[in-house]
Structures are given as structure tokens and as C-alpha cells.
PDB file of all heavy atoms in Angstrom:
ATOM      1  N   LEU A   1       0.814  -1.212   0.000  1.00  0.00           N
ATOM      2  CA  LEU A   1      -0.004  -0.001  -0.020  1.00  0.00           C
ATOM      3  C   LEU A   1       0.854   1.275  -0.024  1.00  0.00           C
ATOM      4  O   LEU A   1       0.390   2.346  -0.403  1.00  0.00           O
ATOM      5  CB  LEU A   1      -0.908  -0.056   1.212  1.00  0.00           C
ATOM      6  CG  LEU A   1      -1.926  -1.118   1.296  1.00  0.00           C
ATOM      7  CD1 LEU A   1      -2.732  -1.051   2.678  1.00  0.00           C
ATOM      8  CD2 LEU A   1      -2.926  -1.040   0.134  1.00  0.00           C
ATOM      9  N   GLU A   2       2.094   1.176   0.532  1.00  0.00           N
ATOM     10  CA  GLU A   2       3.008   2.325   0.592  1.00  0.00           C
ATOM     11  C   GLU A   2       3.924   2.465  -0.648  1.00  0.00           C
ATOM     12  O   GLU A   2       4.673   3.420  -0.697  1.00  0.00           O
ATOM     13  CB  GLU A   2       3.775   2.213   1.900  1.00  0.00           C
ATOM     14  CG  GLU A   2       2.970   2.150   3.120  1.00  0.00           C
ATOM     15  CD  GLU A   2       3.858   1.937   4.368  1.00  0.00           C
ATOM     16  OE1 GLU A   2       4.144   0.753   4.616  1.00  0.00           O
ATOM     17  OE2 GLU A   2       4.247   2.900   5.024  1.00  0.00           O
ATOM     18  N   ALA A   3       3.845   1.491  -1.499  1.00  0.00           N
ATOM     19  CA  ALA A   3       4.802   1.487  -2.587  1.00  0.00           C
ATOM     20  C   ALA A   3       4.831   2.693  -3.451  1.00  0.00           C
ATOM     21  O   ALA A   3       5.888   3.215  -3.876  1.00  0.00           O
ATOM     22  CB  ALA A   3       4.604   0.220  -3.473  1.00  0.00           C
ATOM     23  N   ALA A   4       3.654   3.268  -3.724  1.00  0.00           N
ATOM     24  CA  ALA A   4       3.556   4.451  -4.594  1.00  0.00           C
ATOM     25  C   ALA A   4       4.201   5.636  -3.997  1.00  0.00           C
ATOM     26  O   ALA A   4       4.608   6.559  -4.740  1.00  0.00           O
ATOM     27  CB  ALA A   4       2.105   4.740  -4.967  1.00  0.00           C
ATOM     28  N   GLY A   5       4.241   5.742  -2.703  1.00  0.00           N
ATOM     29  CA  GLY A   5       4.719   6.892  -2.017  1.00  0.00           C
ATOM     30  C   GLY A   5       6.188   6.816  -1.537  1.00  0.00           C
ATOM     31  O   GLY A   5       6.686   7.745  -0.995  1.00  0.00           O
ATOM     32  N   LEU A   6       6.869   5.749  -1.893  1.00  0.00           N
ATOM     33  CA  LEU A   6       8.313   5.580  -1.475  1.00  0.00           C
ATOM     34  C   LEU A   6       9.213   6.348  -2.356  1.00  0.00           C
ATOM     35  O   LEU A   6       9.020   6.441  -3.595  1.00  0.00           O
ATOM     36  CB  LEU A   6       8.620   4.174  -1.529  1.00  0.00           C
ATOM     37  CG  LEU A   6       7.963   3.190  -0.465  1.00  0.00           C
ATOM     38  CD1 LEU A   6       8.449   1.795  -0.747  1.00  0.00           C
ATOM     39  CD2 LEU A   6       8.328   3.669   0.897  1.00  0.00           C
ATOM     40  N   ASP A   7      10.179   7.073  -1.760  1.00  0.00           N
ATOM     41  CA  ASP A   7      11.234   7.778  -2.500  1.00  0.00           C
ATOM     42  C   ASP A   7      12.535   6.843  -2.460  1.00  0.00           C
ATOM     43  O   ASP A   7      13.268   6.934  -1.478  1.00  0.00           O
ATOM     44  CB  ASP A   7      11.559   9.110  -1.789  1.00  0.00           C
ATOM     45  CG  ASP A   7      12.611   9.918  -2.563  1.00  0.00           C
ATOM     46  OD1 ASP A   7      13.045   9.507  -3.616  1.00  0.00           O
ATOM     47  OD2 ASP A   7      12.978  10.956  -2.108  1.00  0.00           O
ATOM     48  N   CYS A   8      12.614   6.006  -3.493  1.00  0.00           N
ATOM     49  CA  CYS A   8      13.763   5.088  -3.496  1.00  0.00           C
ATOM     50  C   CYS A   8      15.156   5.798  -3.585  1.00  0.00           C
ATOM     51  O   CYS A   8      16.147   5.227  -3.103  1.00  0.00           O
ATOM     52  CB  CYS A   8      13.664   4.158  -4.687  1.00  0.00           C
ATOM     53  SG  CYS A   8      12.089   3.065  -4.573  1.00  0.00           S
ATOM     54  N   SER A   9      15.136   6.947  -4.221  1.00  0.00           N
ATOM     55  CA  SER A   9      16.521   7.614  -4.361  1.00  0.00           C
ATOM     56  C   SER A   9      17.004   8.052  -3.008  1.00  0.00           C
ATOM     57  O   SER A   9      18.228   8.182  -2.745  1.00  0.00           O
ATOM     58  CB  SER A   9      16.368   8.802  -5.305  1.00  0.00           C
ATOM     59  OG  SER A   9      15.461   9.778  -4.712  1.00  0.00           O
ATOM     60  N   ALA A  10      16.142   8.272  -2.044  1.00  0.00           N
ATOM     61  CA  ALA A  10      16.590   8.732  -0.712  1.00  0.00           C
ATOM     62  C   ALA A  10      17.206   7.647   0.125  1.00  0.00           C
ATOM     63  O   ALA A  10      17.843   7.912   1.128  1.00  0.00           O
ATOM     64  CB  ALA A  10      15.457   9.370   0.081  1.00  0.00           C
ATOM     65  N   THR A  11      17.032   6.441  -0.288  1.00  0.00           N
ATOM     66  CA  THR A  11      17.489   5.259   0.534  1.00  0.00           C
ATOM     67  C   THR A  11      18.680   4.667  -0.093  1.00  0.00           C
ATOM     68  O   THR A  11      19.168   3.564   0.370  1.00  0.00           O
ATOM     69  CB  THR A  11      16.386   4.149   0.654  1.00  0.00           C
ATOM     70  OG1 THR A  11      16.050   3.773  -0.654  1.00  0.00           O
ATOM     71  CG2 THR A  11      15.154   4.801   1.363  1.00  0.00           C
ATOM     72  N   LYS A  12      19.233   5.157  -1.255  1.00  0.00           N
ATOM     73  CA  LYS A  12      20.397   4.555  -1.860  1.00  0.00           C
ATOM     74  C   LYS A  12      21.616   4.743  -0.912  1.00  0.00           C
ATOM     75  O   LYS A  12      21.873   5.733  -0.280  1.00  0.00           O
ATOM     76  CB  LYS A  12      20.689   5.221  -3.202  1.00  0.00           C
ATOM     77  CG  LYS A  12      19.664   4.848  -4.245  1.00  0.00           C
ATOM     78  CD  LYS A  12      20.056   5.441  -5.590  1.00  0.00           C
ATOM     79  CE  LYS A  12      19.082   5.038  -6.716  1.00  0.00           C
ATOM     80  NZ  LYS A  12      19.420   5.677  -7.951  1.00  0.00           N
ATOM     81  N   ASP A  13      22.370   3.647  -0.870  1.00  0.00           N
ATOM     82  CA  ASP A  13      23.607   3.633  -0.021  1.00  0.00           C
ATOM     83  C   ASP A  13      24.785   3.492  -0.955  1.00  0.00           C
ATOM     84  O   ASP A  13      24.938   2.499  -1.601  1.00  0.00           O
ATOM     85  CB  ASP A  13      23.592   2.436   0.965  1.00  0.00           C
ATOM     86  CG  ASP A  13      24.760   2.404   1.875  1.00  0.00           C
ATOM     87  OD1 ASP A  13      25.687   3.303   1.721  1.00  0.00           O
ATOM     88  OD2 ASP A  13      24.910   1.425   2.627  1.00  0.00           O
ATOM     89  N   PRO A  14      25.641   4.529  -1.121  1.00  0.00           N
ATOM     90  CA  PRO A  14      26.754   4.492  -2.074  1.00  0.00           C
ATOM     91  C   PRO A  14      27.847   3.558  -1.559  1.00  0.00           C
ATOM     92  O   PRO A  14      28.756   3.305  -2.395  1.00  0.00           O
ATOM     93  CB  PRO A  14      27.238   5.967  -2.031  1.00  0.00           C
ATOM     94  CG  PRO A  14      26.844   6.502  -0.716  1.00  0.00           C
ATOM     95  CD  PRO A  14      25.599   5.785  -0.324  1.00  0.00           C
ATOM     96  N   SER A  15      27.792   3.091  -0.367  1.00  0.00           N
ATOM     97  CA  SER A  15      28.918   2.230   0.110  1.00  0.00           C
ATOM     98  C   SER A  15      28.680   0.826  -0.277  1.00  0.00           C
ATOM     99  O   SER A  15      27.748   0.191   0.170  1.00  0.00           O
ATOM    100  CB  SER A  15      28.950   2.327   1.652  1.00  0.00           C
ATOM    101  OG  SER A  15      29.914   1.372   2.143  1.00  0.00           O
ATOM    102  N   PRO A  16      29.579   0.210  -1.123  1.00  0.00           N
ATOM    103  CA  PRO A  16      29.345  -1.173  -1.564  1.00  0.00           C
ATOM    104  C   PRO A  16      29.677  -2.154  -0.467  1.00  0.00           C
ATOM    105  O   PRO A  16      29.355  -3.315  -0.570  1.00  0.00           O
ATOM    106  CB  PRO A  16      30.399  -1.234  -2.787  1.00  0.00           C
ATOM    107  CG  PRO A  16      31.395  -0.257  -2.441  1.00  0.00           C
ATOM    108  CD  PRO A  16      30.670   0.865  -1.760  1.00  0.00           C
ATOM    109  N   SER A  17      30.372  -1.694   0.584  1.00  0.00           N
ATOM    110  CA  SER A  17      30.816  -2.634   1.606  1.00  0.00           C
ATOM    111  C   SER A  17      29.747  -2.908   2.606  1.00  0.00           C
ATOM    112  O   SER A  17      29.802  -3.837   3.354  1.00  0.00           O
ATOM    113  CB  SER A  17      32.060  -2.061   2.340  1.00  0.00           C
ATOM    114  OG  SER A  17      31.686  -0.813   2.948  1.00  0.00           O
ATOM    115  N   ARG A  18      28.656  -2.066   2.647  1.00  0.00           N
ATOM    116  CA  ARG A  18      27.581  -2.215   3.619  1.00  0.00           C
ATOM    117  C   ARG A  18      26.751  -3.417   3.180  1.00  0.00           C
ATOM    118  O   ARG A  18      26.292  -3.488   2.084  1.00  0.00           O
ATOM    119  CB  ARG A  18      26.751  -1.027   3.721  1.00  0.00           C
ATOM    120  CG  ARG A  18      25.608  -1.117   4.766  1.00  0.00           C
ATOM    121  CD  ARG A  18      24.890   0.131   4.818  1.00  0.00           C
ATOM    122  NE  ARG A  18      23.771  -0.015   5.831  1.00  0.00           N
ATOM    123  CZ  ARG A  18      22.862   0.877   6.012  1.00  0.00           C
ATOM    124  NH1 ARG A  18      22.858   2.013   5.299  1.00  0.00           N
ATOM    125  NH2 ARG A  18      21.893   0.703   6.887  1.00  0.00           N
ATOM    126  N   GLN A  19      26.547  -4.305   4.106  1.00  0.00           N
ATOM    127  CA  GLN A  19      25.722  -5.537   3.807  1.00  0.00           C
ATOM    128  C   GLN A  19      24.352  -5.387   4.365  1.00  0.00           C
ATOM    129  O   GLN A  19      24.185  -4.949   5.566  1.00  0.00           O
ATOM    130  CB  GLN A  19      26.404  -6.806   4.374  1.00  0.00           C
ATOM    131  CG  GLN A  19      25.702  -8.051   4.011  1.00  0.00           C
ATOM    132  CD  GLN A  19      26.336  -9.234   4.690  1.00  0.00           C
ATOM    133  OE1 GLN A  19      26.922  -9.160   5.708  1.00  0.00           O
ATOM    134  NE2 GLN A  19      26.203 -10.421   4.022  1.00  0.00           N
ATOM    135  N   SER A  20      23.329  -5.630   3.586  1.00  0.00           N
ATOM    136  CA  SER A  20      22.026  -5.567   4.043  1.00  0.00           C
ATOM    137  C   SER A  20      21.743  -6.634   5.062  1.00  0.00           C
ATOM    138  O   SER A  20      22.175  -7.745   4.950  1.00  0.00           O
ATOM    139  CB  SER A  20      21.021  -5.748   2.828  1.00  0.00           C
ATOM    140  OG  SER A  20      19.721  -5.930   3.321  1.00  0.00           O
ATOM    141  N   PRO A  21      20.948  -6.328   6.149  1.00  0.00           N
ATOM    142  CA  PRO A  21      20.568  -7.320   7.134  1.00  0.00           C
ATOM    143  C   PRO A  21      19.713  -8.359   6.521  1.00  0.00           C
ATOM    144  O   PRO A  21      19.501  -9.460   7.098  1.00  0.00           O
ATOM    145  CB  PRO A  21      19.901  -6.489   8.202  1.00  0.00           C
ATOM    146  CG  PRO A  21      19.326  -5.295   7.493  1.00  0.00           C
ATOM    147  CD  PRO A  21      20.379  -4.937   6.451  1.00  0.00           C
ATOM    148  N   LEU A  22      19.121  -8.145   5.317  1.00  0.00           N
ATOM    149  CA  LEU A  22      18.275  -9.154   4.664  1.00  0.00           C
ATOM    150  C   LEU A  22      19.034 -10.098   3.858  1.00  0.00           C
ATOM    151  O   LEU A  22      18.526 -11.026   3.309  1.00  0.00           O
ATOM    152  CB  LEU A  22      17.190  -8.486   3.876  1.00  0.00           C
ATOM    153  CG  LEU A  22      16.269  -7.491   4.680  1.00  0.00           C
ATOM    154  CD1 LEU A  22      15.267  -6.875   3.707  1.00  0.00           C
ATOM    155  CD2 LEU A  22      15.571  -8.246   5.804  1.00  0.00           C
ATOM    156  N   SER A  23      20.289  -9.813   3.563  1.00  0.00           N
ATOM    157  CA  SER A  23      21.173 -10.622   2.673  1.00  0.00           C
ATOM    158  C   SER A  23      21.110 -12.104   2.944  1.00  0.00           C
ATOM    159  O   SER A  23      21.206 -12.908   2.053  1.00  0.00           O
ATOM    160  CB  SER A  23      22.534 -10.143   2.539  1.00  0.00           C
ATOM    161  OG  SER A  23      23.183 -10.094   3.788  1.00  0.00           O
ATOM    162  N   PRO A  24      21.134 -12.500   4.251  1.00  0.00           N
ATOM    163  CA  PRO A  24      21.043 -13.993   4.434  1.00  0.00           C
ATOM    164  C   PRO A  24      19.850 -14.669   3.869  1.00  0.00           C
ATOM    165  O   PRO A  24      19.896 -15.790   3.532  1.00  0.00           O
ATOM    166  CB  PRO A  24      21.085 -14.064   5.998  1.00  0.00           C
ATOM    167  CG  PRO A  24      21.715 -12.861   6.420  1.00  0.00           C
ATOM    168  CD  PRO A  24      21.298 -11.770   5.502  1.00  0.00           C
ATOM    169  N   LEU A  25      18.727 -13.885   3.787  1.00  0.00           N
ATOM    170  CA  LEU A  25      17.522 -14.461   3.207  1.00  0.00           C
ATOM    171  C   LEU A  25      17.662 -14.762   1.720  1.00  0.00           C
ATOM    172  O   LEU A  25      17.067 -15.678   1.157  1.00  0.00           O
ATOM    173  CB  LEU A  25      16.313 -13.483   3.445  1.00  0.00           C
ATOM    174  CG  LEU A  25      15.791 -13.352   4.778  1.00  0.00           C
ATOM    175  CD1 LEU A  25      14.750 -12.222   4.770  1.00  0.00           C
ATOM    176  CD2 LEU A  25      15.205 -14.659   5.298  1.00  0.00           C
ATOM    177  N   LEU A  26      18.494 -13.959   1.010  1.00  0.00           N
ATOM    178  CA  LEU A  26      18.601 -14.058  -0.366  1.00  0.00           C
ATOM    179  C   LEU A  26      19.893 -14.893  -0.809  1.00  0.00           C
ATOM    180  O   LEU A  26      20.158 -15.052  -1.995  1.00  0.00           O
ATOM    181  CB  LEU A  26      18.800 -12.649  -1.019  1.00  0.00           C
ATOM    182  CG  LEU A  26      17.648 -11.715  -0.593  1.00  0.00           C
ATOM    183  CD1 LEU A  26      17.924 -10.295  -1.210  1.00  0.00           C
ATOM    184  CD2 LEU A  26      16.309 -12.223  -1.040  1.00  0.00           C
ATOM    185  N   GLY A  27      20.641 -15.348   0.171  1.00  0.00           N
ATOM    186  CA  GLY A  27      21.856 -16.079  -0.089  1.00  0.00           C
ATOM    187  C   GLY A  27      21.510 -17.440  -0.678  1.00  0.00           C
ATOM    188  O   GLY A  27      20.564 -18.005  -0.414  1.00  0.00           O
ATOM    189  N   ARG A  28      22.434 -17.927  -1.475  1.00  0.00           N
ATOM    190  CA  ARG A  28      22.271 -19.236  -2.064  1.00  0.00           C
ATOM    191  C   ARG A  28      22.741 -20.273  -1.094  1.00  0.00           C
ATOM    192  O   ARG A  28      23.531 -20.026  -0.211  1.00  0.00           O
ATOM    193  CB  ARG A  28      23.128 -19.328  -3.374  1.00  0.00           C
ATOM    194  CG  ARG A  28      22.769 -18.240  -4.434  1.00  0.00           C
ATOM    195  CD  ARG A  28      21.347 -18.366  -4.876  1.00  0.00           C
ATOM    196  NE  ARG A  28      21.126 -19.620  -5.532  1.00  0.00           N
ATOM    197  CZ  ARG A  28      20.017 -20.003  -5.945  1.00  0.00           C
ATOM    198  NH1 ARG A  28      18.911 -19.358  -5.716  1.00  0.00           N
ATOM    199  NH2 ARG A  28      19.767 -21.234  -6.541  1.00  0.00           N
ATOM    200  N   ARG A  29      22.289 -21.597  -1.307  1.00  0.00           N
ATOM    201  CA  ARG A  29      22.698 -22.575  -0.409  1.00  0.00           C
ATOM    202  C   ARG A  29      24.194 -22.892  -0.697  1.00  0.00           C
ATOM    203  O   ARG A  29      24.721 -22.617  -1.773  1.00  0.00           O
ATOM    204  CB  ARG A  29      21.927 -23.882  -0.745  1.00  0.00           C
ATOM    205  CG  ARG A  29      20.474 -23.759  -0.299  1.00  0.00           C
ATOM    206  CD  ARG A  29      19.779 -25.067  -0.547  1.00  0.00           C
ATOM    207  NE  ARG A  29      18.353 -24.900  -0.070  1.00  0.00           N
ATOM    208  CZ  ARG A  29      17.390 -24.593  -0.876  1.00  0.00           C
ATOM    209  NH1 ARG A  29      17.539 -24.322  -2.066  1.00  0.00           N
ATOM    210  NH2 ARG A  29      16.149 -24.518  -0.340  1.00  0.00           N
ATOM    211  N   GLY A  30      24.845 -23.393   0.280  1.00  0.00           N
ATOM    212  CA  GLY A  30      26.318 -23.729   0.169  1.00  0.00           C
ATOM    213  C   GLY A  30      26.546 -24.764  -0.902  1.00  0.00           C
ATOM    214  O   GLY A  30      25.688 -25.397  -1.559  1.00  0.00           O
ATOM    215  N   LEU A  31      27.839 -24.982  -1.213  1.00  0.00           N
ATOM    216  CA  LEU A  31      28.193 -25.972  -2.192  1.00  0.00           C
ATOM    217  C   LEU A  31      27.702 -27.329  -1.807  1.00  0.00           C
ATOM    218  O   LEU A  31      27.704 -27.703  -0.643  1.00  0.00           O
ATOM    219  CB  LEU A  31      29.702 -25.949  -2.330  1.00  0.00           C
ATOM    220  CG  LEU A  31      30.361 -24.685  -2.873  1.00  0.00           C
ATOM    221  CD1 LEU A  31      31.896 -24.811  -2.888  1.00  0.00           C
ATOM    222  CD2 LEU A  31      29.904 -24.384  -4.279  1.00  0.00           C
ATOM    223  N   LEU A  32      27.332 -28.103  -2.835  1.00  0.00           N
ATOM    224  CA  LEU A  32      26.785 -29.432  -2.542  1.00  0.00           C
ATOM    225  C   LEU A  32      27.941 -30.281  -2.140  1.00  0.00           C
ATOM    226  O   LEU A  32      29.031 -30.362  -2.705  1.00  0.00           O
ATOM    227  CB  LEU A  32      26.100 -29.954  -3.825  1.00  0.00           C
ATOM    228  CG  LEU A  32      24.977 -29.154  -4.393  1.00  0.00           C
ATOM    229  CD1 LEU A  32      24.396 -29.856  -5.604  1.00  0.00           C
ATOM    230  CD2 LEU A  32      23.879 -29.034  -3.308  1.00  0.00           C
ATOM    231  N   GLY A  33      27.701 -31.115  -1.104  1.00  0.00           N
ATOM    232  CA  GLY A  33      28.719 -31.970  -0.569  1.00  0.00           C
ATOM    233  C   GLY A  33      28.417 -33.444  -0.979  1.00  0.00           C
ATOM    234  O   GLY A  33      28.207 -33.703  -2.164  1.00  0.00           O
ATOM    235  N   ASP A  34      28.421 -34.248   0.070  1.00  0.00           N
ATOM    236  CA  ASP A  34      28.208 -35.687  -0.286  1.00  0.00           C
ATOM    237  C   ASP A  34      26.766 -36.017  -0.741  1.00  0.00           C
ATOM    238  O   ASP A  34      25.971 -35.147  -0.782  1.00  0.00           O
ATOM    239  CB  ASP A  34      28.579 -36.516   0.960  1.00  0.00           C
ATOM    240  CG  ASP A  34      27.721 -36.113   2.187  1.00  0.00           C
ATOM    241  OD1 ASP A  34      27.227 -34.910   2.188  1.00  0.00           O
ATOM    242  OD2 ASP A  34      27.516 -36.868   3.046  1.00  0.00           O
ATOM    243  N   ARG A  35      26.569 -37.228  -1.102  1.00  0.00           N
ATOM    244  CA  ARG A  35      25.271 -37.631  -1.584  1.00  0.00           C
ATOM    245  C   ARG A  35      24.429 -38.247  -0.508  1.00  0.00           C
ATOM    246  O   ARG A  35      24.931 -38.720   0.445  1.00  0.00           O
ATOM    247  CB  ARG A  35      25.476 -38.703  -2.701  1.00  0.00           C
ATOM    248  CG  ARG A  35      26.215 -38.111  -3.930  1.00  0.00           C
ATOM    249  CD  ARG A  35      26.507 -39.176  -4.933  1.00  0.00           C
ATOM    250  NE  ARG A  35      25.383 -39.581  -5.704  1.00  0.00           N
ATOM    251  CZ  ARG A  35      24.795 -38.858  -6.704  1.00  0.00           C
ATOM    252  NH1 ARG A  35      25.301 -37.732  -7.055  1.00  0.00           N
ATOM    253  NH2 ARG A  35      23.707 -39.375  -7.366  1.00  0.00           N
ATOM    254  N   ILE A  36      23.100 -38.054  -0.624  1.00  0.00           N
ATOM    255  CA  ILE A  36      22.183 -38.612   0.317  1.00  0.00           C
ATOM    256  C   ILE A  36      21.233 -39.571  -0.363  1.00  0.00           C
ATOM    257  O   ILE A  36      21.076 -39.547  -1.574  1.00  0.00           O
ATOM    258  CB  ILE A  36      21.374 -37.413   1.063  1.00  0.00           C
ATOM    259  CG1 ILE A  36      20.547 -36.672   0.000  1.00  0.00           C
ATOM    260  CG2 ILE A  36      22.341 -36.485   1.809  1.00  0.00           C
ATOM    261  CD1 ILE A  36      19.530 -35.774   0.595  1.00  0.00           C
ATOM    262  N   GLN A  37      20.536 -40.326   0.509  1.00  0.00           N
ATOM    263  CA  GLN A  37      19.553 -41.266  -0.130  1.00  0.00           C
ATOM    264  C   GLN A  37      18.168 -40.787   0.327  1.00  0.00           C
ATOM    265  O   GLN A  37      17.868 -40.478   1.457  1.00  0.00           O
ATOM    266  CB  GLN A  37      19.692 -42.711   0.414  1.00  0.00           C
ATOM    267  CG  GLN A  37      18.759 -43.640  -0.116  1.00  0.00           C
ATOM    268  CD  GLN A  37      19.167 -45.100   0.254  1.00  0.00           C
ATOM    269  OE1 GLN A  37      20.008 -45.660  -0.420  1.00  0.00           O
ATOM    270  NE2 GLN A  37      18.510 -45.636   1.199  1.00  0.00           N
ATOM    271  N   VAL A  38      17.252 -40.725  -0.661  1.00  0.00           N
ATOM    272  CA  VAL A  38      15.924 -40.213  -0.406  1.00  0.00           C
ATOM    273  C   VAL A  38      14.961 -41.328  -0.992  1.00  0.00           C
ATOM    274  O   VAL A  38      15.143 -41.906  -2.039  1.00  0.00           O
ATOM    275  CB  VAL A  38      15.566 -38.948  -1.164  1.00  0.00           C
ATOM    276  CG1 VAL A  38      14.116 -38.479  -0.893  1.00  0.00           C
ATOM    277  CG2 VAL A  38      16.528 -37.866  -0.678  1.00  0.00           C
ATOM    278  N   HIS A  39      13.926 -41.732  -0.116  1.00  0.00           N
ATOM    279  CA  HIS A  39      12.905 -42.695  -0.585  1.00  0.00           C
ATOM    280  C   HIS A  39      11.830 -41.889  -1.158  1.00  0.00           C
ATOM    281  O   HIS A  39      11.363 -40.951  -0.586  1.00  0.00           O
ATOM    282  CB  HIS A  39      12.497 -43.525   0.636  1.00  0.00           C
ATOM    283  CG  HIS A  39      13.660 -44.096   1.452  1.00  0.00           C
ATOM    284  ND1 HIS A  39      14.467 -45.087   1.010  1.00  0.00           N
ATOM    285  CD2 HIS A  39      14.125 -43.827   2.672  1.00  0.00           C
ATOM    286  CE1 HIS A  39      15.407 -45.394   1.819  1.00  0.00           C
ATOM    287  NE2 HIS A  39      15.228 -44.624   2.926  1.00  0.00           N
ATOM    288  N   TYR A  40      11.260 -42.444  -2.227  1.00  0.00           N
ATOM    289  CA  TYR A  40      10.249 -41.708  -3.037  1.00  0.00           C
ATOM    290  C   TYR A  40       9.195 -42.609  -3.485  1.00  0.00           C
ATOM    291  O   TYR A  40       9.436 -43.701  -3.974  1.00  0.00           O
ATOM    292  CB  TYR A  40      10.890 -41.079  -4.155  1.00  0.00           C
ATOM    293  CG  TYR A  40       9.947 -40.360  -5.142  1.00  0.00           C
ATOM    294  CD1 TYR A  40       9.063 -39.311  -4.725  1.00  0.00           C
ATOM    295  CD2 TYR A  40       9.954 -40.654  -6.486  1.00  0.00           C
ATOM    296  CE1 TYR A  40       8.235 -38.724  -5.608  1.00  0.00           C
ATOM    297  CE2 TYR A  40       9.067 -40.037  -7.372  1.00  0.00           C
ATOM    298  CZ  TYR A  40       8.249 -39.062  -6.966  1.00  0.00           C
ATOM    299  OH  TYR A  40       7.384 -38.487  -7.805  1.00  0.00           O
ATOM    300  N   SER A  41       7.925 -42.310  -3.160  1.00  0.00           N
ATOM    301  CA  SER A  41       6.779 -43.173  -3.473  1.00  0.00           C
ATOM    302  C   SER A  41       5.774 -42.330  -4.212  1.00  0.00           C
ATOM    303  O   SER A  41       5.604 -41.152  -3.982  1.00  0.00           O
ATOM    304  CB  SER A  41       6.128 -43.691  -2.215  1.00  0.00           C
ATOM    305  OG  SER A  41       7.008 -44.491  -1.466  1.00  0.00           O
ATOM    306  N   ILE A  42       5.067 -43.004  -5.206  1.00  0.00           N
ATOM    307  CA  ILE A  42       3.891 -42.372  -5.897  1.00  0.00           C
ATOM    308  C   ILE A  42       2.705 -43.269  -5.650  1.00  0.00           C
ATOM    309  O   ILE A  42       2.816 -44.498  -5.811  1.00  0.00           O
ATOM    310  CB  ILE A  42       4.204 -42.142  -7.388  1.00  0.00           C
ATOM    311  CG1 ILE A  42       4.535 -43.494  -8.094  1.00  0.00           C
ATOM    312  CG2 ILE A  42       5.378 -41.158  -7.571  1.00  0.00           C
ATOM    313  CD1 ILE A  42       4.698 -43.417  -9.562  1.00  0.00           C
ATOM    314  N   ILE A  43       1.608 -42.681  -5.212  1.00  0.00           N
ATOM    315  CA  ILE A  43       0.482 -43.440  -4.747  1.00  0.00           C
ATOM    316  C   ILE A  43      -0.769 -42.880  -5.368  1.00  0.00           C
ATOM    317  O   ILE A  43      -1.089 -41.689  -5.305  1.00  0.00           O
ATOM    318  CB  ILE A  43       0.359 -43.417  -3.244  1.00  0.00           C
ATOM    319  CG1 ILE A  43       1.691 -43.977  -2.591  1.00  0.00           C
ATOM    320  CG2 ILE A  43      -0.839 -44.155  -2.740  1.00  0.00           C
ATOM    321  CD1 ILE A  43       1.741 -43.670  -1.093  1.00  0.00           C
ATOM    322  N   ASN A  44      -1.628 -43.753  -5.931  1.00  0.00           N
ATOM    323  CA  ASN A  44      -2.896 -43.429  -6.499  1.00  0.00           C
ATOM    324  C   ASN A  44      -3.946 -44.429  -5.949  1.00  0.00           C
ATOM    325  O   ASN A  44      -3.887 -45.584  -6.383  1.00  0.00           O
ATOM    326  CB  ASN A  44      -2.927 -43.324  -8.005  1.00  0.00           C
ATOM    327  CG  ASN A  44      -4.409 -43.297  -8.541  1.00  0.00           C
ATOM    328  OD1 ASN A  44      -5.225 -42.610  -7.983  1.00  0.00           O
ATOM    329  ND2 ASN A  44      -4.588 -44.030  -9.572  1.00  0.00           N
TER     330      ASN A  44
END
């Protein structure tokens, strides 16, 4: 509801070193390691 009234230019941070507190939410999963076994069933 507030999107139309936001001034995005006022919130720009010129510092590339600053990390957003939300960045962990957007992070990718770590490198894949060993293999796992998963049991899978299809039922009708």
C-alpha cells in the first residue's frame, strides 16, 4: 500500500561494503557436498 509513495532515491547507499541485514535471506545454499539417499513413493 505504501509502494507508490516511497522515495527510492533517498534510501540509496553509495557504500558497496555495507551488507543488508536481509542478505542472508537471499543467499544461495552452500556448495553441494556428499550424496544422500531419499525414498520416494507415488500413490494413487
